[in-house]
Each structure stands twice: as C-alpha cells, then as structure tokens.
Amino acid sequence: MPENPSPSNTQAGSDPHFSPVVSRLASEFSDVHHSGTVSRCVDAARHGAQDVTGRATPDLVERIARQHLQVLALAFAEQR
C-alpha cells in the first residue's frame, strides 16, 4: 500500500448515509488502499456529485468513488 496511512479527517465515515459506502469500498480495496484514502475519495466524490448534479445520493457517490479508486489502483500497479 503506497499511500499515507495517516488518519483522515473526512466527513464520509461519520455521515450515516455514506459510512456504509466507505465500509464497502474499504473492504473491496483493502489490499490496495488505506481506509483513509477511501474516505477521502468518497468525500471528493460526494462533493463532485453535489457540484455537478446538485445532489449526492449514496449510490452515485459509491459509483464515482469506486471508479476513482480503480484508477488509482491501476496507476499504483503501473509504477511497480
């Protein structure tokens, strides 16, 4: 895991609507990304969805965050 494992000060993990999203994605990407990275990615996806569509449903945020985490995983794999 090449990322900084430092604790994250994100909102997603403490928001009851988005904490299940963080949990699912953290489990799915546990072999690639630290949970803090997942939380920050979910926060970024939530803010991006809100800016673009005016709303951020958990399903939409999860899809966006998953795509971002997959791209990050590919980038890390190419660096090896």
PDB file of N, CA and C in Angstrom:
ATOM      1  N   MET A   1       0.841  -1.174   0.000  1.00  0.00           N
ATOM      2  CA  MET A   1       0.000   0.000   0.000  1.00  0.00           C
ATOM      3  C   MET A   1       0.892   1.245   0.000  1.00  0.00           C
ATOM      4  N   PRO A   2       0.971   1.926  -1.085  1.00  0.00           N
ATOM      5  CA  PRO A   2       1.893   3.037  -1.180  1.00  0.00           C
ATOM      6  C   PRO A   2       1.404   4.344  -0.605  1.00  0.00           C
ATOM      7  N   GLU A   3       0.179   4.407  -0.166  1.00  0.00           N
ATOM      8  CA  GLU A   3      -0.358   5.680   0.310  1.00  0.00           C
ATOM      9  C   GLU A   3      -0.029   5.921   1.771  1.00  0.00           C
ATOM     10  N   ASN A   4      -0.222   7.156   2.157  1.00  0.00           N
ATOM     11  CA  ASN A   4      -0.012   7.549   3.538  1.00  0.00           C
ATOM     12  C   ASN A   4      -1.156   7.016   4.394  1.00  0.00           C
ATOM     13  N   PRO A   5      -0.855   6.178   5.388  1.00  0.00           N
ATOM     14  CA  PRO A   5      -1.919   5.604   6.210  1.00  0.00           C
ATOM     15  C   PRO A   5      -2.404   6.517   7.322  1.00  0.00           C
ATOM     16  N   SER A   6      -2.041   7.777   7.278  1.00  0.00           N
ATOM     17  CA  SER A   6      -2.423   8.687   8.360  1.00  0.00           C
ATOM     18  C   SER A   6      -3.927   8.785   8.494  1.00  0.00           C
ATOM     19  N   PRO A   7      -4.399   9.039   9.703  1.00  0.00           N
ATOM     20  CA  PRO A   7      -5.842   9.128   9.908  1.00  0.00           C
ATOM     21  C   PRO A   7      -6.437  10.247   9.076  1.00  0.00           C
ATOM     22  N   SER A   8      -7.646  10.031   8.697  1.00  0.00           N
ATOM     23  CA  SER A   8      -8.295  11.003   7.832  1.00  0.00           C
ATOM     24  C   SER A   8      -9.321  11.806   8.615  1.00  0.00           C
ATOM     25  N   ASN A   9      -9.463  13.044   8.262  1.00  0.00           N
ATOM     26  CA  ASN A   9     -10.462  13.917   8.884  1.00  0.00           C
ATOM     27  C   ASN A   9     -11.596  14.143   7.895  1.00  0.00           C
ATOM     28  N   THR A  10     -12.195  13.067   7.453  1.00  0.00           N
ATOM     29  CA  THR A  10     -13.231  13.183   6.442  1.00  0.00           C
ATOM     30  C   THR A  10     -14.610  13.125   7.062  1.00  0.00           C
ATOM     31  N   GLN A  11     -15.564  13.577   6.301  1.00  0.00           N
ATOM     32  CA  GLN A  11     -16.951  13.590   6.756  1.00  0.00           C
ATOM     33  C   GLN A  11     -17.679  12.304   6.398  1.00  0.00           C
ATOM     34  N   ALA A  12     -17.245  11.628   5.341  1.00  0.00           N
ATOM     35  CA  ALA A  12     -17.967  10.469   4.830  1.00  0.00           C
ATOM     36  C   ALA A  12     -18.110   9.358   5.867  1.00  0.00           C
ATOM     37  N   GLY A  13     -17.044   9.070   6.584  1.00  0.00           N
ATOM     38  CA  GLY A  13     -17.090   7.984   7.549  1.00  0.00           C
ATOM     39  C   GLY A  13     -18.042   8.230   8.700  1.00  0.00           C
ATOM     40  N   SER A  14     -18.274   9.483   9.041  1.00  0.00           N
ATOM     41  CA  SER A  14     -19.160   9.784  10.163  1.00  0.00           C
ATOM     42  C   SER A  14     -20.596  10.100   9.739  1.00  0.00           C
ATOM     43  N   ASP A  15     -20.833  10.244   8.442  1.00  0.00           N
ATOM     44  CA  ASP A  15     -22.178  10.521   7.924  1.00  0.00           C
ATOM     45  C   ASP A  15     -22.927   9.193   7.791  1.00  0.00           C
ATOM     46  N   PRO A  16     -24.078   9.043   8.443  1.00  0.00           N
ATOM     47  CA  PRO A  16     -24.797   7.765   8.390  1.00  0.00           C
ATOM     48  C   PRO A  16     -25.231   7.355   6.993  1.00  0.00           C
ATOM     49  N   HIS A  17     -25.357   8.308   6.083  1.00  0.00           N
ATOM     50  CA  HIS A  17     -25.728   7.969   4.712  1.00  0.00           C
ATOM     51  C   HIS A  17     -24.545   7.407   3.928  1.00  0.00           C
ATOM     52  N   PHE A  18     -23.342   7.848   4.265  1.00  0.00           N
ATOM     53  CA  PHE A  18     -22.168   7.486   3.475  1.00  0.00           C
ATOM     54  C   PHE A  18     -21.219   6.531   4.183  1.00  0.00           C
ATOM     55  N   SER A  19     -21.384   6.301   5.471  1.00  0.00           N
ATOM     56  CA  SER A  19     -20.489   5.369   6.164  1.00  0.00           C
ATOM     57  C   SER A  19     -20.586   3.943   5.604  1.00  0.00           C
ATOM     58  N   PRO A  20     -21.776   3.456   5.182  1.00  0.00           N
ATOM     59  CA  PRO A  20     -21.802   2.130   4.549  1.00  0.00           C
ATOM     60  C   PRO A  20     -21.026   2.106   3.226  1.00  0.00           C
ATOM     61  N   VAL A  21     -21.039   3.218   2.504  1.00  0.00           N
ATOM     62  CA  VAL A  21     -20.286   3.310   1.251  1.00  0.00           C
ATOM     63  C   VAL A  21     -18.795   3.186   1.556  1.00  0.00           C
ATOM     64  N   VAL A  22     -18.333   3.929   2.556  1.00  0.00           N
ATOM     65  CA  VAL A  22     -16.922   3.871   2.948  1.00  0.00           C
ATOM     66  C   VAL A  22     -16.571   2.448   3.377  1.00  0.00           C
ATOM     67  N   SER A  23     -17.423   1.811   4.146  1.00  0.00           N
ATOM     68  CA  SER A  23     -17.158   0.445   4.621  1.00  0.00           C
ATOM     69  C   SER A  23     -17.050  -0.540   3.468  1.00  0.00           C
ATOM     70  N   ARG A  24     -17.997  -0.472   2.539  1.00  0.00           N
ATOM     71  CA  ARG A  24     -17.968  -1.389   1.392  1.00  0.00           C
ATOM     72  C   ARG A  24     -16.710  -1.194   0.555  1.00  0.00           C
ATOM     73  N   LEU A  25     -16.398   0.061   0.253  1.00  0.00           N
ATOM     74  CA  LEU A  25     -15.241   0.336  -0.601  1.00  0.00           C
ATOM     75  C   LEU A  25     -13.931   0.040   0.127  1.00  0.00           C
ATOM     76  N   ALA A  26     -13.870   0.313   1.422  1.00  0.00           N
ATOM     77  CA  ALA A  26     -12.662  -0.003   2.190  1.00  0.00           C
ATOM     78  C   ALA A  26     -12.409  -1.510   2.184  1.00  0.00           C
ATOM     79  N   SER A  27     -13.467  -2.280   2.295  1.00  0.00           N
ATOM     80  CA  SER A  27     -13.335  -3.736   2.242  1.00  0.00           C
ATOM     81  C   SER A  27     -12.918  -4.190   0.844  1.00  0.00           C
ATOM     82  N   GLU A  28     -13.557  -3.633  -0.161  1.00  0.00           N
ATOM     83  CA  GLU A  28     -13.280  -4.010  -1.550  1.00  0.00           C
ATOM     84  C   GLU A  28     -11.840  -3.689  -1.953  1.00  0.00           C
ATOM     85  N   PHE A  29     -11.315  -2.571  -1.474  1.00  0.00           N
ATOM     86  CA  PHE A  29      -9.985  -2.123  -1.874  1.00  0.00           C
ATOM     87  C   PHE A  29      -8.945  -2.265  -0.756  1.00  0.00           C
ATOM     88  N   SER A  30      -9.214  -3.106   0.221  1.00  0.00           N
ATOM     89  CA  SER A  30      -8.328  -3.219   1.382  1.00  0.00           C
ATOM     90  C   SER A  30      -6.913  -3.657   1.016  1.00  0.00           C
ATOM     91  N   ASP A  31      -6.763  -4.394  -0.055  1.00  0.00           N
ATOM     92  CA  ASP A  31      -5.427  -4.850  -0.443  1.00  0.00           C
ATOM     93  C   ASP A  31      -4.663  -3.792  -1.251  1.00  0.00           C
ATOM     94  N   VAL A  32      -5.319  -2.670  -1.575  1.00  0.00           N
ATOM     95  CA  VAL A  32      -4.696  -1.634  -2.401  1.00  0.00           C
ATOM     96  C   VAL A  32      -4.625  -0.290  -1.696  1.00  0.00           C
ATOM     97  N   HIS A  33      -5.707   0.111  -1.043  1.00  0.00           N
ATOM     98  CA  HIS A  33      -5.802   1.451  -0.469  1.00  0.00           C
ATOM     99  C   HIS A  33      -6.076   1.401   1.029  1.00  0.00           C
ATOM    100  N   HIS A  34      -5.487   2.342   1.751  1.00  0.00           N
ATOM    101  CA  HIS A  34      -5.793   2.509   3.168  1.00  0.00           C
ATOM    102  C   HIS A  34      -7.206   3.061   3.309  1.00  0.00           C
ATOM    103  N   SER A  35      -7.817   2.829   4.447  1.00  0.00           N
ATOM    104  CA  SER A  35      -9.191   3.293   4.667  1.00  0.00           C
ATOM    105  C   SER A  35      -9.283   4.822   4.616  1.00  0.00           C
ATOM    106  N   GLY A  36      -8.236   5.517   5.020  1.00  0.00           N
ATOM    107  CA  GLY A  36      -8.245   6.983   4.934  1.00  0.00           C
ATOM    108  C   GLY A  36      -8.328   7.468   3.499  1.00  0.00           C
ATOM    109  N   THR A  37      -7.658   6.761   2.604  1.00  0.00           N
ATOM    110  CA  THR A  37      -7.726   7.109   1.179  1.00  0.00           C
ATOM    111  C   THR A  37      -9.136   6.898   0.664  1.00  0.00           C
ATOM    112  N   VAL A  38      -9.749   5.801   1.071  1.00  0.00           N
ATOM    113  CA  VAL A  38     -11.121   5.508   0.641  1.00  0.00           C
ATOM    114  C   VAL A  38     -12.069   6.596   1.152  1.00  0.00           C
ATOM    115  N   SER A  39     -11.935   6.983   2.409  1.00  0.00           N
ATOM    116  CA  SER A  39     -12.802   8.024   2.979  1.00  0.00           C
ATOM    117  C   SER A  39     -12.642   9.348   2.236  1.00  0.00           C
ATOM    118  N   ARG A  40     -11.394   9.717   1.948  1.00  0.00           N
ATOM    119  CA  ARG A  40     -11.166  10.969   1.220  1.00  0.00           C
ATOM    120  C   ARG A  40     -11.736  10.894  -0.188  1.00  0.00           C
ATOM    121  N   CYS A  41     -11.645   9.738  -0.814  1.00  0.00           N
ATOM    122  CA  CYS A  41     -12.187   9.572  -2.159  1.00  0.00           C
ATOM    123  C   CYS A  41     -13.715   9.665  -2.140  1.00  0.00           C
ATOM    124  N   VAL A  42     -14.346   9.086  -1.145  1.00  0.00           N
ATOM    125  CA  VAL A  42     -15.803   9.174  -1.016  1.00  0.00           C
ATOM    126  C   VAL A  42     -16.214  10.630  -0.779  1.00  0.00           C
ATOM    127  N   ASP A  43     -15.481  11.337   0.063  1.00  0.00           N
ATOM    128  CA  ASP A  43     -15.770  12.761   0.280  1.00  0.00           C
ATOM    129  C   ASP A  43     -15.662  13.548  -1.019  1.00  0.00           C
ATOM    130  N   ALA A  44     -14.593  13.301  -1.776  1.00  0.00           N
ATOM    131  CA  ALA A  44     -14.394  14.017  -3.045  1.00  0.00           C
ATOM    132  C   ALA A  44     -15.512  13.682  -4.025  1.00  0.00           C
ATOM    133  N   ALA A  45     -15.903  12.416  -4.077  1.00  0.00           N
ATOM    134  CA  ALA A  45     -16.983  12.008  -4.977  1.00  0.00           C
ATOM    135  C   ALA A  45     -18.300  12.658  -4.579  1.00  0.00           C
ATOM    136  N   ARG A  46     -18.524  12.745  -3.271  1.00  0.00           N
ATOM    137  CA  ARG A  46     -19.761  13.373  -2.786  1.00  0.00           C
ATOM    138  C   ARG A  46     -19.809  14.849  -3.155  1.00  0.00           C
ATOM    139  N   HIS A  47     -18.712  15.543  -2.933  1.00  0.00           N
ATOM    140  CA  HIS A  47     -18.669  16.968  -3.268  1.00  0.00           C
ATOM    141  C   HIS A  47     -18.767  17.183  -4.775  1.00  0.00           C
ATOM    142  N   GLY A  48     -18.120  16.334  -5.546  1.00  0.00           N
ATOM    143  CA  GLY A  48     -18.195  16.437  -7.000  1.00  0.00           C
ATOM    144  C   GLY A  48     -19.607  16.201  -7.518  1.00  0.00           C
ATOM    145  N   ALA A  49     -20.265  15.178  -6.996  1.00  0.00           N
ATOM    146  CA  ALA A  49     -21.639  14.893  -7.412  1.00  0.00           C
ATOM    147  C   ALA A  49     -22.557  16.055  -7.053  1.00  0.00           C
ATOM    148  N   GLN A  50     -22.360  16.600  -5.860  1.00  0.00           N
ATOM    149  CA  GLN A  50     -23.175  17.738  -5.422  1.00  0.00           C
ATOM    150  C   GLN A  50     -22.969  18.937  -6.342  1.00  0.00           C
ATOM    151  N   ASP A  51     -21.716  19.203  -6.708  1.00  0.00           N
ATOM    152  CA  ASP A  51     -21.415  20.341  -7.582  1.00  0.00           C
ATOM    153  C   ASP A  51     -21.997  20.163  -8.981  1.00  0.00           C
ATOM    154  N   VAL A  52     -21.910  18.946  -9.509  1.00  0.00           N
ATOM    155  CA  VAL A  52     -22.324  18.710 -10.898  1.00  0.00           C
ATOM    156  C   VAL A  52     -23.828  18.505 -11.027  1.00  0.00           C
ATOM    157  N   THR A  53     -24.415  17.699 -10.138  1.00  0.00           N
ATOM    158  CA  THR A  53     -25.829  17.345 -10.303  1.00  0.00           C
ATOM    159  C   THR A  53     -26.757  18.047  -9.318  1.00  0.00           C
ATOM    160  N   GLY A  54     -26.168  18.665  -8.293  1.00  0.00           N
ATOM    161  CA  GLY A  54     -26.996  19.315  -7.283  1.00  0.00           C
ATOM    162  C   GLY A  54     -27.447  18.385  -6.185  1.00  0.00           C
ATOM    163  N   ARG A  55     -27.068  17.114  -6.259  1.00  0.00           N
ATOM    164  CA  ARG A  55     -27.388  16.160  -5.207  1.00  0.00           C
ATOM    165  C   ARG A  55     -26.339  15.063  -5.209  1.00  0.00           C
ATOM    166  N   ALA A  56     -26.235  14.375  -4.106  1.00  0.00           N
ATOM    167  CA  ALA A  56     -25.239  13.318  -3.973  1.00  0.00           C
ATOM    168  C   ALA A  56     -25.862  12.134  -3.247  1.00  0.00           C
ATOM    169  N   THR A  57     -26.436  11.234  -4.013  1.00  0.00           N
ATOM    170  CA  THR A  57     -27.014  10.036  -3.408  1.00  0.00           C
ATOM    171  C   THR A  57     -25.899   9.048  -3.088  1.00  0.00           C
ATOM    172  N   PRO A  58     -26.089   8.212  -2.092  1.00  0.00           N
ATOM    173  CA  PRO A  58     -25.057   7.223  -1.773  1.00  0.00           C
ATOM    174  C   PRO A  58     -24.694   6.324  -2.964  1.00  0.00           C
ATOM    175  N   ASP A  59     -25.678   5.926  -3.762  1.00  0.00           N
ATOM    176  CA  ASP A  59     -25.388   5.072  -4.920  1.00  0.00           C
ATOM    177  C   ASP A  59     -24.488   5.765  -5.932  1.00  0.00           C
ATOM    178  N   LEU A  60     -24.798   7.012  -6.230  1.00  0.00           N
ATOM    179  CA  LEU A  60     -23.987   7.771  -7.188  1.00  0.00           C
ATOM    180  C   LEU A  60     -22.585   7.996  -6.638  1.00  0.00           C
ATOM    181  N   VAL A  61     -22.493   8.368  -5.392  1.00  0.00           N
ATOM    182  CA  VAL A  61     -21.188   8.618  -4.769  1.00  0.00           C
ATOM    183  C   VAL A  61     -20.361   7.339  -4.761  1.00  0.00           C
ATOM    184  N   GLU A  62     -20.976   6.222  -4.462  1.00  0.00           N
ATOM    185  CA  GLU A  62     -20.241   4.950  -4.453  1.00  0.00           C
ATOM    186  C   GLU A  62     -19.701   4.610  -5.835  1.00  0.00           C
ATOM    187  N   ARG A  63     -20.510   4.808  -6.868  1.00  0.00           N
ATOM    188  CA  ARG A  63     -20.041   4.519  -8.237  1.00  0.00           C
ATOM    189  C   ARG A  63     -18.871   5.405  -8.623  1.00  0.00           C
ATOM    190  N   ILE A  64     -18.968   6.693  -8.314  1.00  0.00           N
ATOM    191  CA  ILE A  64     -17.882   7.629  -8.654  1.00  0.00           C
ATOM    192  C   ILE A  64     -16.619   7.281  -7.867  1.00  0.00           C
ATOM    193  N   ALA A  65     -16.762   7.062  -6.574  1.00  0.00           N
ATOM    194  CA  ALA A  65     -15.599   6.759  -5.738  1.00  0.00           C
ATOM    195  C   ALA A  65     -14.945   5.448  -6.172  1.00  0.00           C
ATOM    196  N   ARG A  66     -15.736   4.439  -6.499  1.00  0.00           N
ATOM    197  CA  ARG A  66     -15.185   3.157  -6.956  1.00  0.00           C
ATOM    198  C   ARG A  66     -14.359   3.355  -8.222  1.00  0.00           C
ATOM    199  N   GLN A  67     -14.864   4.133  -9.162  1.00  0.00           N
ATOM    200  CA  GLN A  67     -14.112   4.383 -10.396  1.00  0.00           C
ATOM    201  C   GLN A  67     -12.791   5.081 -10.089  1.00  0.00           C
ATOM    202  N   HIS A  68     -12.811   6.059  -9.197  1.00  0.00           N
ATOM    203  CA  HIS A  68     -11.580   6.767  -8.839  1.00  0.00           C
ATOM    204  C   HIS A  68     -10.584   5.825  -8.159  1.00  0.00           C
ATOM    205  N   LEU A  69     -11.076   4.984  -7.267  1.00  0.00           N
ATOM    206  CA  LEU A  69     -10.194   4.047  -6.575  1.00  0.00           C
ATOM    207  C   LEU A  69      -9.608   3.017  -7.540  1.00  0.00           C
ATOM    208  N   GLN A  70     -10.379   2.608  -8.537  1.00  0.00           N
ATOM    209  CA  GLN A  70      -9.859   1.680  -9.541  1.00  0.00           C
ATOM    210  C   GLN A  70      -8.748   2.331 -10.364  1.00  0.00           C
ATOM    211  N   VAL A  71      -8.943   3.579 -10.734  1.00  0.00           N
ATOM    212  CA  VAL A  71      -7.917   4.302 -11.493  1.00  0.00           C
ATOM    213  C   VAL A  71      -6.649   4.448 -10.657  1.00  0.00           C
ATOM    214  N   LEU A  72      -6.807   4.806  -9.386  1.00  0.00           N
ATOM    215  CA  LEU A  72      -5.642   4.911  -8.506  1.00  0.00           C
ATOM    216  C   LEU A  72      -4.921   3.567  -8.386  1.00  0.00           C
ATOM    217  N   ALA A  73      -5.658   2.492  -8.279  1.00  0.00           N
ATOM    218  CA  ALA A  73      -5.053   1.168  -8.166  1.00  0.00           C
ATOM    219  C   ALA A  73      -4.259   0.836  -9.426  1.00  0.00           C
ATOM    220  N   LEU A  74      -4.806   1.176 -10.583  1.00  0.00           N
ATOM    221  CA  LEU A  74      -4.083   0.939 -11.841  1.00  0.00           C
ATOM    222  C   LEU A  74      -2.814   1.759 -11.916  1.00  0.00           C
ATOM    223  N   ALA A  75      -2.890   2.995 -11.487  1.00  0.00           N
ATOM    224  CA  ALA A  75      -1.717   3.879 -11.502  1.00  0.00           C
ATOM    225  C   ALA A  75      -0.629   3.318 -10.581  1.00  0.00           C
ATOM    226  N   PHE A  76      -1.001   2.833  -9.410  1.00  0.00           N
ATOM    227  CA  PHE A  76      -0.022   2.259  -8.482  1.00  0.00           C
ATOM    228  C   PHE A  76       0.595   0.995  -9.079  1.00  0.00           C
ATOM    229  N   ALA A  77      -0.229   0.169  -9.737  1.00  0.00           N
ATOM    230  CA  ALA A  77       0.274  -1.064 -10.331  1.00  0.00           C
ATOM    231  C   ALA A  77       1.267  -0.769 -11.456  1.00  0.00           C
ATOM    232  N   GLU A  78       1.045   0.279 -12.196  1.00  0.00           N
ATOM    233  CA  GLU A  78       1.950   0.631 -13.295  1.00  0.00           C
ATOM    234  C   GLU A  78       3.285   1.161 -12.796  1.00  0.00           C
ATOM    235  N   GLN A  79       3.325   1.685 -11.568  1.00  0.00           N
ATOM    236  CA  GLN A  79       4.559   2.215 -11.018  1.00  0.00           C
ATOM    237  C   GLN A  79       5.515   1.108 -10.574  1.00  0.00           C
ATOM    238  N   ARG A  80       5.020  -0.067 -10.418  1.00  0.00           N
ATOM    239  CA  ARG A  80       5.860  -1.185  -9.924  1.00  0.00           C
ATOM    240  C   ARG A  80       6.693  -1.777 -11.001  1.00  0.00           C
TER     241      ARG A  80
END
